[in-house]
Structures are given as C-alpha cells and as structure tokens.
Amino acid sequence: MYRDANDPRRLRLGRVSGLTLLLVCSLLAVGLLFYLALALRPEAKREFAGEQELNIYCAAGIAKPVQEVLDAHNREFGTRFKLARTGGSG
C-alpha cells in the first residue's frame, strides 16, 4: 500500500466521508419525522364506528336519493352518516 502519510490515495480506515454522514443523518431525521407525524396526529386515536359521525356533502339536486341511501346504510350497519345541509350557494 501507500506508505506516505500525505498521499491522498492512502486509505482512510475508520473515517466516514461527510457526504455519507449527511445522507445517513438526513434519512434518519426523515424517518423520525414520518413516524412522529403518523403517531402523534389527533385522528390517530381510533374510536368505535358507533361513536363517530360522518357528514356527507352533496349537491342539492341529489340530496333526497343520497339521504335514502344513507338511511339504509345506517340501519343496516349501525353507522352514523349524516347529510350536511348547508343551504344554497346562490
């Protein structure tokens, strides 16, 4: 191998390049942030389906058929879907 300590071709045993260290630290930071974003979000707390209410928004022209479908679904599955009535836009 190379015997001269000043030779740039000499192997650097035990040292990590700055770019490699930056890449590894960045990947770890992104992974940690991804985990925290999923674990700490408020909606991550699961509730039973019977305790949740879901508002459904639709156009006024199809509100009656959608309400019939929601009523049938609520009866069959015990869910609480509700058609949100917001009034006209005009």
Protein backbone atom coordinates (compact mmCIF):
# COMPACT_ATOMS: atom_id res chain seq x y z
CA MET A 1 0.00 0.00 0.00
CA TYR A 2 0.93 3.63 0.19
CA ARG A 3 3.41 4.47 2.91
CA ASP A 4 3.44 8.26 2.61
CA ALA A 5 1.06 9.89 5.13
CA ASN A 6 0.50 12.88 2.84
CA ASP A 7 -0.52 10.77 -0.17
CA PRO A 8 -4.24 11.45 -0.95
CA ARG A 9 -4.63 7.93 -2.38
CA ARG A 10 -3.92 6.43 1.03
CA LEU A 11 -6.82 4.50 2.60
CA ARG A 12 -8.70 6.35 5.30
CA LEU A 13 -9.59 3.49 7.57
CA GLY A 14 -12.13 4.28 10.26
CA ARG A 15 -13.28 7.57 8.75
CA VAL A 16 -16.65 8.33 7.16
CA SER A 17 -16.99 10.92 4.45
CA GLY A 18 -19.00 14.00 5.29
CA LEU A 19 -21.46 13.34 2.47
CA THR A 20 -22.18 9.81 3.68
CA LEU A 21 -22.70 11.05 7.23
CA LEU A 22 -25.05 13.79 5.99
CA LEU A 23 -27.05 11.29 3.94
CA VAL A 24 -27.45 8.83 6.83
CA CYS A 25 -28.43 11.57 9.29
CA SER A 26 -30.93 13.02 6.81
CA LEU A 27 -32.56 9.65 6.25
CA LEU A 28 -32.82 9.06 9.99
CA ALA A 29 -34.34 12.51 10.51
CA VAL A 30 -36.91 11.98 7.75
CA GLY A 31 -37.81 8.58 9.18
CA LEU A 32 -38.23 10.02 12.67
CA LEU A 33 -40.40 12.88 11.40
CA PHE A 34 -42.54 10.45 9.38
CA TYR A 35 -43.06 8.25 12.44
CA LEU A 36 -43.94 11.23 14.65
CA ALA A 37 -46.35 12.61 12.06
CA LEU A 38 -48.23 9.32 11.98
CA ALA A 39 -48.08 8.51 15.69
CA LEU A 40 -48.95 11.91 17.12
CA ARG A 41 -51.73 13.13 14.85
CA PRO A 42 -55.05 13.68 16.68
CA GLU A 43 -57.11 11.46 14.41
CA ALA A 44 -54.80 8.53 15.14
CA LYS A 45 -56.89 7.80 18.21
CA ARG A 46 -59.37 5.26 16.94
CA GLU A 47 -62.97 5.18 18.07
CA PHE A 48 -65.63 2.60 17.55
CA ALA A 49 -67.72 3.12 14.42
CA GLY A 50 -70.85 3.67 16.50
CA GLU A 51 -69.25 6.66 18.24
CA GLN A 52 -68.28 8.52 15.08
CA GLU A 53 -70.47 10.71 12.95
CA LEU A 54 -69.61 11.40 9.33
CA ASN A 55 -71.08 14.38 7.49
CA ILE A 56 -71.72 13.83 3.79
CA TYR A 57 -71.87 16.84 1.47
CA CYS A 58 -73.59 16.61 -1.90
CA ALA A 59 -75.38 18.76 -4.45
CA ALA A 60 -78.92 19.85 -3.56
CA GLY A 61 -80.35 18.11 -6.62
CA ILE A 62 -79.30 14.66 -5.41
CA ALA A 63 -79.81 15.21 -1.67
CA LYS A 64 -83.04 13.16 -1.46
CA PRO A 65 -81.63 9.95 -3.06
CA VAL A 66 -78.39 10.30 -1.10
CA GLN A 67 -80.37 10.67 2.14
CA GLU A 68 -82.28 7.47 1.35
CA VAL A 69 -79.01 5.59 0.77
CA LEU A 70 -77.54 6.97 4.00
CA ASP A 71 -80.61 5.97 6.00
CA ALA A 72 -80.49 2.44 4.62
CA HIS A 73 -76.76 2.17 5.32
CA ASN A 74 -77.17 3.49 8.86
CA ARG A 75 -79.93 0.97 9.60
CA GLU A 76 -78.01 -1.97 8.15
CA PHE A 77 -74.58 -1.29 9.60
CA GLY A 78 -75.32 0.80 12.68
CA THR A 79 -73.26 3.75 11.47
CA ARG A 80 -73.99 7.45 11.88
CA PHE A 81 -73.71 9.07 8.46
CA LYS A 82 -75.47 12.40 8.23
CA LEU A 83 -76.29 14.51 5.20
CA ALA A 84 -74.98 18.02 5.81
CA ARG A 85 -77.43 20.72 4.77
CA THR A 86 -75.63 23.99 4.17
CA GLY A 87 -78.17 25.94 2.16
CA GLY A 88 -77.92 27.21 -1.36
CA SER A 89 -74.90 28.88 -2.87
CA GLY A 90 -76.81 31.46 -4.86
